[in-house]
Full PDB file with SEQRES, HELIX, SHEET, SSBOND, CRYST1, ORIGX, SCALE, CONECT and MASTER records, all heavy atoms in Angstrom:
SEQRES   1 A   37  ILE TYR ILE PRO ARG GLY LYS MET LYS LYS ALA GLN ASN          
SEQRES   2 A   37  GLY GLU LEU VAL VAL VAL SER ILE TYR PHE TRP GLY ASP          
SEQRES   3 A   37  LYS ASP ARG LYS PRO GLU GLY GLU ILE ILE GLU                  
HELIX    1 AA1 ARG A    5  LYS A    7  5                                   3    
SHEET    1 AA1 2 VAL A  19  PHE A  23  0                                        
SHEET    2 AA1 2 GLU A  32  ILE A  35 -1                                        
CRYST1    1.000    1.000    1.000  90.00  90.00  90.00 P 1           1          
ORIGX1      1.000000  0.000000  0.000000        0.00000                         
ORIGX2      0.000000  1.000000  0.000000        0.00000                         
ORIGX3      0.000000  0.000000  1.000000        0.00000                         
SCALE1      1.000000  0.000000  0.000000        0.00000                         
SCALE2      0.000000  1.000000  0.000000        0.00000                         
SCALE3      0.000000  0.000000  1.000000        0.00000                         
ATOM      1  N   ILE A   1      40.043 -22.073  84.340  1.00  0.00           N  
ATOM      2  CA  ILE A   1      40.087 -20.693  83.833  1.00  0.00           C  
ATOM      3  C   ILE A   1      41.433 -20.466  83.147  1.00  0.00           C  
ATOM      4  O   ILE A   1      42.498 -20.706  83.748  1.00  0.00           O  
ATOM      5  CB  ILE A   1      39.889 -19.684  84.984  1.00  0.00           C  
ATOM      6  CG1 ILE A   1      38.549 -19.956  85.683  1.00  0.00           C  
ATOM      7  CG2 ILE A   1      39.940 -18.251  84.481  1.00  0.00           C  
ATOM      8  CD1 ILE A   1      38.530 -19.615  87.131  1.00  0.00           C  
ATOM      9  N   TYR A   2      41.390 -20.006  81.915  1.00  0.00           N  
ATOM     10  CA  TYR A   2      42.602 -19.743  81.126  1.00  0.00           C  
ATOM     11  C   TYR A   2      43.208 -18.406  81.557  1.00  0.00           C  
ATOM     12  O   TYR A   2      42.504 -17.411  81.713  1.00  0.00           O  
ATOM     13  CB  TYR A   2      42.249 -19.702  79.639  1.00  0.00           C  
ATOM     14  CG  TYR A   2      43.395 -19.295  78.739  1.00  0.00           C  
ATOM     15  CD1 TYR A   2      44.441 -20.172  78.465  1.00  0.00           C  
ATOM     16  CD2 TYR A   2      43.436 -18.020  78.163  1.00  0.00           C  
ATOM     17  CE1 TYR A   2      45.499 -19.798  77.648  1.00  0.00           C  
ATOM     18  CE2 TYR A   2      44.484 -17.630  77.340  1.00  0.00           C  
ATOM     19  CZ  TYR A   2      45.518 -18.522  77.088  1.00  0.00           C  
ATOM     20  OH  TYR A   2      46.564 -18.148  76.286  1.00  0.00           O  
ATOM     21  N   ILE A   3      44.525 -18.389  81.774  1.00  0.00           N  
ATOM     22  CA  ILE A   3      45.235 -17.165  82.175  1.00  0.00           C  
ATOM     23  C   ILE A   3      46.304 -16.852  81.121  1.00  0.00           C  
ATOM     24  O   ILE A   3      47.280 -17.613  80.985  1.00  0.00           O  
ATOM     25  CB  ILE A   3      45.920 -17.320  83.552  1.00  0.00           C  
ATOM     26  CG1 ILE A   3      44.965 -17.920  84.597  1.00  0.00           C  
ATOM     27  CG2 ILE A   3      46.480 -15.974  84.017  1.00  0.00           C  
ATOM     28  CD1 ILE A   3      43.805 -17.050  84.998  1.00  0.00           C  
ATOM     29  N   PRO A   4      46.170 -15.754  80.370  1.00  0.00           N  
ATOM     30  CA  PRO A   4      47.202 -15.379  79.392  1.00  0.00           C  
ATOM     31  C   PRO A   4      48.516 -15.026  80.086  1.00  0.00           C  
ATOM     32  O   PRO A   4      48.553 -14.748  81.297  1.00  0.00           O  
ATOM     33  CB  PRO A   4      46.606 -14.140  78.697  1.00  0.00           C  
ATOM     34  CG  PRO A   4      45.161 -14.149  79.046  1.00  0.00           C  
ATOM     35  CD  PRO A   4      45.047 -14.817  80.374  1.00  0.00           C  
ATOM     36  N   ARG A   5      49.583 -15.000  79.328  1.00  0.00           N  
ATOM     37  CA  ARG A   5      50.932 -14.809  79.858  1.00  0.00           C  
ATOM     38  C   ARG A   5      51.068 -13.551  80.725  1.00  0.00           C  
ATOM     39  O   ARG A   5      51.641 -13.591  81.808  1.00  0.00           O  
ATOM     40  CB  ARG A   5      51.927 -14.741  78.687  1.00  0.00           C  
ATOM     41  CG  ARG A   5      53.366 -14.621  79.145  1.00  0.00           C  
ATOM     42  CD  ARG A   5      54.313 -14.657  77.967  1.00  0.00           C  
ATOM     43  NE  ARG A   5      55.698 -14.728  78.392  1.00  0.00           N  
ATOM     44  CZ  ARG A   5      56.717 -14.871  77.562  1.00  0.00           C  
ATOM     45  NH1 ARG A   5      56.497 -14.973  76.270  1.00  0.00           N  
ATOM     46  NH2 ARG A   5      57.956 -14.925  78.015  1.00  0.00           N  
ATOM     47  N   GLY A   6      50.552 -12.433  80.250  1.00  0.00           N  
ATOM     48  CA  GLY A   6      50.733 -11.169  80.967  1.00  0.00           C  
ATOM     49  C   GLY A   6      49.787 -10.971  82.136  1.00  0.00           C  
ATOM     50  O   GLY A   6      49.769  -9.908  82.756  1.00  0.00           O  
ATOM     51  N   LYS A   7      48.981 -11.984  82.469  1.00  0.00           N  
ATOM     52  CA  LYS A   7      47.954 -11.824  83.514  1.00  0.00           C  
ATOM     53  C   LYS A   7      48.216 -12.724  84.730  1.00  0.00           C  
ATOM     54  O   LYS A   7      47.314 -13.012  85.494  1.00  0.00           O  
ATOM     55  CB  LYS A   7      46.572 -12.172  82.941  1.00  0.00           C  
ATOM     56  CG  LYS A   7      46.192 -11.425  81.666  1.00  0.00           C  
ATOM     57  CD  LYS A   7      45.698 -10.031  81.951  1.00  0.00           C  
ATOM     58  CE  LYS A   7      45.152  -9.358  80.684  1.00  0.00           C  
ATOM     59  NZ  LYS A   7      44.727  -7.977  80.940  1.00  0.00           N  
ATOM     60  N   MET A   8      49.478 -13.171  84.906  1.00  0.00           N  
ATOM     61  CA  MET A   8      49.734 -14.169  85.957  1.00  0.00           C  
ATOM     62  C   MET A   8      50.352 -13.604  87.242  1.00  0.00           C  
ATOM     63  O   MET A   8      50.533 -14.327  88.213  1.00  0.00           O  
ATOM     64  CB  MET A   8      50.599 -15.295  85.399  1.00  0.00           C  
ATOM     65  CG  MET A   8      49.795 -16.203  84.489  1.00  0.00           C  
ATOM     66  SD  MET A   8      50.574 -17.773  84.131  1.00  0.00           S  
ATOM     67  CE  MET A   8      51.616 -17.317  82.756  1.00  0.00           C  
ATOM     68  N   LYS A   9      50.701 -12.326  87.260  1.00  0.00           N  
ATOM     69  CA  LYS A   9      51.172 -11.621  88.468  1.00  0.00           C  
ATOM     70  C   LYS A   9      52.269 -12.382  89.225  1.00  0.00           C  
ATOM     71  O   LYS A   9      52.230 -12.500  90.452  1.00  0.00           O  
ATOM     72  CB  LYS A   9      49.996 -11.352  89.412  1.00  0.00           C  
ATOM     73  CG  LYS A   9      50.251 -10.182  90.362  1.00  0.00           C  
ATOM     74  CD  LYS A   9      49.069  -9.879  91.238  1.00  0.00           C  
ATOM     75  CE  LYS A   9      49.362  -8.683  92.125  1.00  0.00           C  
ATOM     76  NZ  LYS A   9      48.245  -8.306  92.987  1.00  0.00           N  
ATOM     77  N   LYS A  10      53.228 -12.942  88.500  1.00  0.00           N  
ATOM     78  CA  LYS A  10      54.390 -13.631  89.086  1.00  0.00           C  
ATOM     79  C   LYS A  10      54.017 -14.829  89.966  1.00  0.00           C  
ATOM     80  O   LYS A  10      54.819 -15.274  90.803  1.00  0.00           O  
ATOM     81  CB  LYS A  10      55.255 -12.657  89.893  1.00  0.00           C  
ATOM     82  CG  LYS A  10      55.873 -11.548  89.045  1.00  0.00           C  
ATOM     83  CD  LYS A  10      56.767 -10.650  89.878  1.00  0.00           C  
ATOM     84  CE  LYS A  10      57.382  -9.551  89.011  1.00  0.00           C  
ATOM     85  NZ  LYS A  10      58.209  -8.616  89.788  1.00  0.00           N  
ATOM     86  N   ALA A  11      52.801 -15.335  89.798  1.00  0.00           N  
ATOM     87  CA  ALA A  11      52.398 -16.522  90.564  1.00  0.00           C  
ATOM     88  C   ALA A  11      53.174 -17.736  90.065  1.00  0.00           C  
ATOM     89  O   ALA A  11      53.413 -17.882  88.869  1.00  0.00           O  
ATOM     90  CB  ALA A  11      50.899 -16.755  90.420  1.00  0.00           C  
ATOM     91  N   GLN A  12      53.565 -18.597  90.994  1.00  0.00           N  
ATOM     92  CA  GLN A  12      54.328 -19.794  90.646  1.00  0.00           C  
ATOM     93  C   GLN A  12      53.403 -20.987  90.456  1.00  0.00           C  
ATOM     94  O   GLN A  12      52.280 -21.022  90.965  1.00  0.00           O  
ATOM     95  CB  GLN A  12      55.347 -20.104  91.753  1.00  0.00           C  
ATOM     96  CG  GLN A  12      56.338 -18.983  92.006  1.00  0.00           C  
ATOM     97  CD  GLN A  12      57.130 -18.602  90.771  1.00  0.00           C  
ATOM     98  OE1 GLN A  12      57.753 -19.458  90.135  1.00  0.00           O  
ATOM     99  NE2 GLN A  12      57.094 -17.324  90.407  1.00  0.00           N  
ATOM    100  N   ASN A  13      53.913 -21.965  89.729  1.00  0.00           N  
ATOM    101  CA  ASN A  13      53.144 -23.190  89.502  1.00  0.00           C  
ATOM    102  C   ASN A  13      52.773 -23.836  90.840  1.00  0.00           C  
ATOM    103  O   ASN A  13      53.599 -23.975  91.734  1.00  0.00           O  
ATOM    104  CB  ASN A  13      53.980 -24.164  88.662  1.00  0.00           C  
ATOM    105  CG  ASN A  13      53.171 -25.405  88.293  1.00  0.00           C  
ATOM    106  OD1 ASN A  13      52.079 -25.299  87.755  1.00  0.00           O  
ATOM    107  ND2 ASN A  13      53.706 -26.567  88.599  1.00  0.00           N  
ATOM    108  N   GLY A  14      51.497 -24.202  90.970  1.00  0.00           N  
ATOM    109  CA  GLY A  14      51.030 -24.877  92.183  1.00  0.00           C  
ATOM    110  C   GLY A  14      50.593 -23.954  93.299  1.00  0.00           C  
ATOM    111  O   GLY A  14      50.160 -24.421  94.365  1.00  0.00           O  
ATOM    112  N   GLU A  15      50.669 -22.632  93.104  1.00  0.00           N  
ATOM    113  CA  GLU A  15      50.264 -21.704  94.163  1.00  0.00           C  
ATOM    114  C   GLU A  15      48.755 -21.445  94.129  1.00  0.00           C  
ATOM    115  O   GLU A  15      48.108 -21.526  93.079  1.00  0.00           O  
ATOM    116  CB  GLU A  15      51.018 -20.375  94.037  1.00  0.00           C  
ATOM    117  CG  GLU A  15      52.458 -20.459  94.508  1.00  0.00           C  
ATOM    118  CD  GLU A  15      53.108 -19.096  94.672  1.00  0.00           C  
ATOM    119  OE1 GLU A  15      53.085 -18.298  93.715  1.00  0.00           O  
ATOM    120  OE2 GLU A  15      53.637 -18.831  95.767  1.00  0.00           O  
ATOM    121  N   LEU A  16      48.243 -21.119  95.296  1.00  0.00           N  
ATOM    122  CA  LEU A  16      46.836 -20.758  95.442  1.00  0.00           C  
ATOM    123  C   LEU A  16      46.669 -19.292  95.048  1.00  0.00           C  
ATOM    124  O   LEU A  16      47.374 -18.427  95.569  1.00  0.00           O  
ATOM    125  CB  LEU A  16      46.403 -20.965  96.901  1.00  0.00           C  
ATOM    126  CG  LEU A  16      44.916 -20.878  97.249  1.00  0.00           C  
ATOM    127  CD1 LEU A  16      44.127 -21.992  96.583  1.00  0.00           C  
ATOM    128  CD2 LEU A  16      44.732 -20.942  98.767  1.00  0.00           C  
ATOM    129  N   VAL A  17      45.759 -19.011  94.127  1.00  0.00           N  
ATOM    130  CA  VAL A  17      45.606 -17.650  93.605  1.00  0.00           C  
ATOM    131  C   VAL A  17      44.137 -17.246  93.549  1.00  0.00           C  
ATOM    132  O   VAL A  17      43.246 -18.091  93.585  1.00  0.00           O  
ATOM    133  CB  VAL A  17      46.218 -17.529  92.180  1.00  0.00           C  
ATOM    134  CG1 VAL A  17      47.707 -17.773  92.208  1.00  0.00           C  
ATOM    135  CG2 VAL A  17      45.523 -18.486  91.203  1.00  0.00           C  
ATOM    136  N   VAL A  18      43.922 -15.926  93.447  1.00  0.00           N  
ATOM    137  CA  VAL A  18      42.585 -15.373  93.236  1.00  0.00           C  
ATOM    138  C   VAL A  18      42.535 -14.825  91.814  1.00  0.00           C  
ATOM    139  O   VAL A  18      43.413 -14.059  91.404  1.00  0.00           O  
ATOM    140  CB  VAL A  18      42.264 -14.252  94.244  1.00  0.00           C  
ATOM    141  CG1 VAL A  18      40.838 -13.743  94.036  1.00  0.00           C  
ATOM    142  CG2 VAL A  18      42.448 -14.745  95.678  1.00  0.00           C  
ATOM    143  N   VAL A  19      41.522 -15.224  91.066  1.00  0.00           N  
ATOM    144  CA  VAL A  19      41.377 -14.822  89.664  1.00  0.00           C  
ATOM    145  C   VAL A  19      40.144 -13.952  89.488  1.00  0.00           C  
ATOM    146  O   VAL A  19      39.078 -14.257  90.028  1.00  0.00           O  
ATOM    147  CB  VAL A  19      41.233 -16.071  88.755  1.00  0.00           C  
ATOM    148  CG1 VAL A  19      41.020 -15.666  87.303  1.00  0.00           C  
ATOM    149  CG2 VAL A  19      42.453 -16.958  88.879  1.00  0.00           C  
ATOM    150  N   SER A  20      40.307 -12.860  88.742  1.00  0.00           N  
ATOM    151  CA  SER A  20      39.172 -12.028  88.339  1.00  0.00           C  
ATOM    152  C   SER A  20      38.806 -12.419  86.907  1.00  0.00           C  
ATOM    153  O   SER A  20      39.644 -12.353  86.003  1.00  0.00           O  
ATOM    154  CB  SER A  20      39.535 -10.548  88.414  1.00  0.00           C  
ATOM    155  OG  SER A  20      38.459  -9.756  87.952  1.00  0.00           O  
ATOM    156  N   ILE A  21      37.559 -12.838  86.695  1.00  0.00           N  
ATOM    157  CA  ILE A  21      37.127 -13.315  85.374  1.00  0.00           C  
ATOM    158  C   ILE A  21      36.609 -12.140  84.543  1.00  0.00           C  
ATOM    159  O   ILE A  21      35.781 -11.359  85.018  1.00  0.00           O  
ATOM    160  CB  ILE A  21      36.043 -14.400  85.510  1.00  0.00           C  
ATOM    161  CG1 ILE A  21      36.624 -15.616  86.218  1.00  0.00           C  
ATOM    162  CG2 ILE A  21      35.472 -14.801  84.153  1.00  0.00           C  
ATOM    163  CD1 ILE A  21      35.639 -16.724  86.471  1.00  0.00           C  
ATOM    164  N   TYR A  22      37.108 -12.021  83.311  1.00  0.00           N  
ATOM    165  CA  TYR A  22      36.605 -10.967  82.414  1.00  0.00           C  
ATOM    166  C   TYR A  22      35.940 -11.550  81.157  1.00  0.00           C  
ATOM    167  O   TYR A  22      35.301 -10.832  80.397  1.00  0.00           O  
ATOM    168  CB  TYR A  22      37.723  -9.983  82.029  1.00  0.00           C  
ATOM    169  CG  TYR A  22      38.971 -10.593  81.438  1.00  0.00           C  
ATOM    170  CD1 TYR A  22      39.008 -11.006  80.108  1.00  0.00           C  
ATOM    171  CD2 TYR A  22      40.117 -10.732  82.216  1.00  0.00           C  
ATOM    172  CE1 TYR A  22      40.157 -11.566  79.572  1.00  0.00           C  
ATOM    173  CE2 TYR A  22      41.273 -11.283  81.684  1.00  0.00           C  
ATOM    174  CZ  TYR A  22      41.295 -11.706  80.354  1.00  0.00           C  
ATOM    175  OH  TYR A  22      42.430 -12.254  79.816  1.00  0.00           O  
ATOM    176  N   PHE A  23      36.087 -12.854  80.933  1.00  0.00           N  
ATOM    177  CA  PHE A  23      35.373 -13.527  79.844  1.00  0.00           C  
ATOM    178  C   PHE A  23      34.862 -14.858  80.397  1.00  0.00           C  
ATOM    179  O   PHE A  23      35.624 -15.653  80.941  1.00  0.00           O  
ATOM    180  CB  PHE A  23      36.308 -13.757  78.645  1.00  0.00           C  
ATOM    181  CG  PHE A  23      35.719 -14.639  77.575  1.00  0.00           C  
ATOM    182  CD1 PHE A  23      34.625 -14.213  76.832  1.00  0.00           C  
ATOM    183  CD2 PHE A  23      36.252 -15.901  77.313  1.00  0.00           C  
ATOM    184  CE1 PHE A  23      34.073 -15.034  75.856  1.00  0.00           C  
ATOM    185  CE2 PHE A  23      35.709 -16.718  76.340  1.00  0.00           C  
ATOM    186  CZ  PHE A  23      34.616 -16.283  75.607  1.00  0.00           C  
ATOM    187  N   TRP A  24      33.561 -15.094  80.273  1.00  0.00           N  
ATOM    188  CA  TRP A  24      32.932 -16.237  80.931  1.00  0.00           C  
ATOM    189  C   TRP A  24      32.952 -17.524  80.107  1.00  0.00           C  
ATOM    190  O   TRP A  24      32.476 -18.546  80.562  1.00  0.00           O  
ATOM    191  CB  TRP A  24      31.498 -15.893  81.318  1.00  0.00           C  
ATOM    192  CG  TRP A  24      31.451 -14.895  82.428  1.00  0.00           C  
ATOM    193  CD1 TRP A  24      31.334 -13.555  82.325  1.00  0.00           C  
ATOM    194  CD2 TRP A  24      31.594 -15.177  83.818  1.00  0.00           C  
ATOM    195  NE1 TRP A  24      31.380 -12.962  83.563  1.00  0.00           N  
ATOM    196  CE2 TRP A  24      31.532 -13.940  84.498  1.00  0.00           C  
ATOM    197  CE3 TRP A  24      31.769 -16.339  84.575  1.00  0.00           C  
ATOM    198  CZ2 TRP A  24      31.634 -13.842  85.879  1.00  0.00           C  
ATOM    199  CZ3 TRP A  24      31.867 -16.246  85.950  1.00  0.00           C  
ATOM    200  CH2 TRP A  24      31.805 -15.006  86.593  1.00  0.00           C  
ATOM    201  N   GLY A  25      33.500 -17.467  78.905  1.00  0.00           N  
ATOM    202  CA  GLY A  25      33.593 -18.670  78.095  1.00  0.00           C  
ATOM    203  C   GLY A  25      32.355 -18.906  77.256  1.00  0.00           C  
ATOM    204  O   GLY A  25      31.308 -18.290  77.451  1.00  0.00           O  
ATOM    205  N   ASP A  26      32.494 -19.795  76.306  1.00  0.00           N  
ATOM    206  CA  ASP A  26      31.361 -20.187  75.463  1.00  0.00           C  
ATOM    207  C   ASP A  26      31.535 -21.661  75.102  1.00  0.00           C  
ATOM    208  O   ASP A  26      32.294 -22.381  75.759  1.00  0.00           O  
ATOM    209  CB  ASP A  26      31.281 -19.289  74.214  1.00  0.00           C  
ATOM    210  CG  ASP A  26      32.599 -19.213  73.450  1.00  0.00           C  
ATOM    211  OD1 ASP A  26      33.356 -20.222  73.474  1.00  0.00           O  
ATOM    212  OD2 ASP A  26      32.878 -18.165  72.843  1.00  0.00           O  
ATOM    213  N   LYS A  27      30.875 -22.099  74.032  1.00  0.00           N  
ATOM    214  CA  LYS A  27      30.936 -23.519  73.665  1.00  0.00           C  
ATOM    215  C   LYS A  27      32.357 -23.971  73.330  1.00  0.00           C  
ATOM    216  O   LYS A  27      32.732 -25.117  73.558  1.00  0.00           O  
ATOM    217  CB  LYS A  27      30.019 -23.791  72.466  1.00  0.00           C  
ATOM    218  CG  LYS A  27      28.534 -23.772  72.821  1.00  0.00           C  
ATOM    219  CD  LYS A  27      27.700 -24.095  71.595  1.00  0.00           C  
ATOM    220  CE  LYS A  27      26.209 -24.057  71.952  1.00  0.00           C  
ATOM    221  NZ  LYS A  27      25.354 -24.315  70.765  1.00  0.00           N  
ATOM    222  N   ASP A  28      33.137 -23.062  72.759  1.00  0.00           N  
ATOM    223  CA  ASP A  28      34.467 -23.437  72.270  1.00  0.00           C  
ATOM    224  C   ASP A  28      35.615 -23.010  73.172  1.00  0.00           C  
ATOM    225  O   ASP A  28      36.715 -23.553  73.078  1.00  0.00           O  
ATOM    226  CB  ASP A  28      34.688 -22.826  70.870  1.00  0.00           C  
ATOM    227  CG  ASP A  28      33.573 -23.215  69.908  1.00  0.00           C  
ATOM    228  OD1 ASP A  28      33.245 -24.417  69.867  1.00  0.00           O  
ATOM    229  OD2 ASP A  28      33.023 -22.316  69.237  1.00  0.00           O  
ATOM    230  N   ARG A  29      35.391 -22.005  74.043  1.00  0.00           N  
ATOM    231  CA  ARG A  29      36.493 -21.459  74.840  1.00  0.00           C  
ATOM    232  C   ARG A  29      36.190 -21.495  76.332  1.00  0.00           C  
ATOM    233  O   ARG A  29      35.049 -21.332  76.750  1.00  0.00           O  
ATOM    234  CB  ARG A  29      36.772 -20.005  74.417  1.00  0.00           C  
ATOM    235  CG  ARG A  29      37.309 -19.881  72.992  1.00  0.00           C  
ATOM    236  CD  ARG A  29      37.211 -18.429  72.522  1.00  0.00           C  
ATOM    237  NE  ARG A  29      38.011 -17.528  73.354  1.00  0.00           N  
ATOM    238  CZ  ARG A  29      37.845 -16.205  73.356  1.00  0.00           C  
ATOM    239  NH1 ARG A  29      36.908 -15.638  72.598  1.00  0.00           N  
ATOM    240  NH2 ARG A  29      38.617 -15.451  74.114  1.00  0.00           N  
ATOM    241  N   LYS A  30      37.266 -21.704  77.102  1.00  0.00           N  
ATOM    242  CA  LYS A  30      37.137 -21.686  78.559  1.00  0.00           C  
ATOM    243  C   LYS A  30      36.972 -20.247  79.049  1.00  0.00           C  
ATOM    244  O   LYS A  30      37.302 -19.307  78.331  1.00  0.00           O  
ATOM    245  CB  LYS A  30      38.402 -22.270  79.207  1.00  0.00           C  
ATOM    246  CG  LYS A  30      38.573 -23.775  79.038  1.00  0.00           C  
ATOM    247  CD  LYS A  30      39.865 -24.212  79.706  1.00  0.00           C  
ATOM    248  CE  LYS A  30      40.072 -25.725  79.572  1.00  0.00           C  
ATOM    249  NZ  LYS A  30      39.150 -26.492  80.418  1.00  0.00           N  
ATOM    250  N   PRO A  31      36.491 -20.077  80.288  1.00  0.00           N  
ATOM    251  CA  PRO A  31      36.506 -18.731  80.874  1.00  0.00           C  
ATOM    252  C   PRO A  31      37.942 -18.211  80.928  1.00  0.00           C  
ATOM    253  O   PRO A  31      38.899 -18.991  80.998  1.00  0.00           O  
ATOM    254  CB  PRO A  31      35.956 -18.943  82.288  1.00  0.00           C  
ATOM    255  CG  PRO A  31      35.205 -20.220  82.224  1.00  0.00           C  
ATOM    256  CD  PRO A  31      35.906 -21.059  81.202  1.00  0.00           C  
ATOM    257  N   GLU A  32      38.095 -16.881  80.902  1.00  0.00           N  
ATOM    258  CA  GLU A  32      39.416 -16.270  80.884  1.00  0.00           C  
ATOM    259  C   GLU A  32      39.499 -15.215  81.981  1.00  0.00           C  
ATOM    260  O   GLU A  32      38.523 -14.522  82.263  1.00  0.00           O  
ATOM    261  CB  GLU A  32      39.644 -15.618  79.512  1.00  0.00           C  
ATOM    262  CG  GLU A  32      41.097 -15.378  79.173  1.00  0.00           C  
ATOM    263  CD  GLU A  32      41.275 -15.020  77.704  1.00  0.00           C  
ATOM    264  OE1 GLU A  32      40.919 -15.844  76.830  1.00  0.00           O  
ATOM    265  OE2 GLU A  32      41.751 -13.897  77.435  1.00  0.00           O  
ATOM    266  N   GLY A  33      40.678 -15.101  82.614  1.00  0.00           N  
ATOM    267  CA  GLY A  33      40.799 -14.112  83.683  1.00  0.00           C  
ATOM    268  C   GLY A  33      42.229 -13.740  83.961  1.00  0.00           C  
ATOM    269  O   GLY A  33      43.157 -14.205  83.294  1.00  0.00           O  
ATOM    270  N   GLU A  34      42.394 -12.883  84.981  1.00  0.00           N  
ATOM    271  CA  GLU A  34      43.742 -12.491  85.394  1.00  0.00           C  
ATOM    272  C   GLU A  34      43.892 -12.709  86.893  1.00  0.00           C  
ATOM    273  O   GLU A  34      42.934 -12.568  87.667  1.00  0.00           O  
ATOM    274  CB  GLU A  34      44.013 -11.031  85.039  1.00  0.00           C  
ATOM    275  CG  GLU A  34      43.182 -10.015  85.783  1.00  0.00           C  
ATOM    276  CD  GLU A  34      43.629  -8.587  85.491  1.00  0.00           C  
ATOM    277  OE1 GLU A  34      44.853  -8.356  85.490  1.00  0.00           O  
ATOM    278  OE2 GLU A  34      42.759  -7.727  85.271  1.00  0.00           O  
ATOM    279  N   ILE A  35      45.108 -13.060  87.286  1.00  0.00           N  
ATOM    280  CA  ILE A  35      45.387 -13.283  88.707  1.00  0.00           C  
ATOM    281  C   ILE A  35      45.513 -11.922  89.390  1.00  0.00           C  
ATOM    282  O   ILE A  35      46.289 -11.075  88.961  1.00  0.00           O  
ATOM    283  CB  ILE A  35      46.668 -14.117  88.874  1.00  0.00           C  
ATOM    284  CG1 ILE A  35      46.425 -15.535  88.349  1.00  0.00           C  
ATOM    285  CG2 ILE A  35      47.112 -14.154  90.337  1.00  0.00           C  
ATOM    286  CD1 ILE A  35      47.654 -16.401  88.273  1.00  0.00           C  
ATOM    287  N   ILE A  36      44.734 -11.711  90.449  1.00  0.00           N  
ATOM    288  CA  ILE A  36      44.765 -10.430  91.155  1.00  0.00           C  
ATOM    289  C   ILE A  36      45.416 -10.547  92.534  1.00  0.00           C  
ATOM    290  O   ILE A  36      45.777  -9.554  93.144  1.00  0.00           O  
ATOM    291  CB  ILE A  36      43.357  -9.810  91.288  1.00  0.00           C  
ATOM    292  CG1 ILE A  36      42.413 -10.765  92.030  1.00  0.00           C  
ATOM    293  CG2 ILE A  36      42.803  -9.413  89.933  1.00  0.00           C  
ATOM    294  CD1 ILE A  36      41.086 -10.144  92.409  1.00  0.00           C  
ATOM    295  N   GLU A  37      45.561 -11.783  93.031  1.00  0.00           N  
ATOM    296  CA  GLU A  37      46.225 -11.961  94.321  1.00  0.00           C  
ATOM    297  C   GLU A  37      46.804 -13.359  94.407  1.00  0.00           C  
ATOM    298  O   GLU A  37      46.187 -14.332  93.972  1.00  0.00           O  
ATOM    299  CB  GLU A  37      45.240 -11.736  95.475  1.00  0.00           C  
ATOM    300  CG  GLU A  37      45.931 -11.748  96.815  1.00  0.00           C  
ATOM    301  CD  GLU A  37      45.215 -10.902  97.871  1.00  0.00           C  
ATOM    302  OE1 GLU A  37      44.281 -10.165  97.518  1.00  0.00           O  
ATOM    303  OE2 GLU A  37      45.605 -10.997  99.031  1.00  0.00           O  
TER     304      GLU A  37                                                      
MASTER        0    0    0    1    2    0    0    6  303    1    0    3          
END                                                                             
């Protein structure tokens, strides 16, 4: 799941996170979401 810069909620590399998906992806793009926890 792709996470844009402003949607990472200060999560650090390698941390376990919960993502809310708002775009499910298509043939060319991955699903997209934001970290909520």
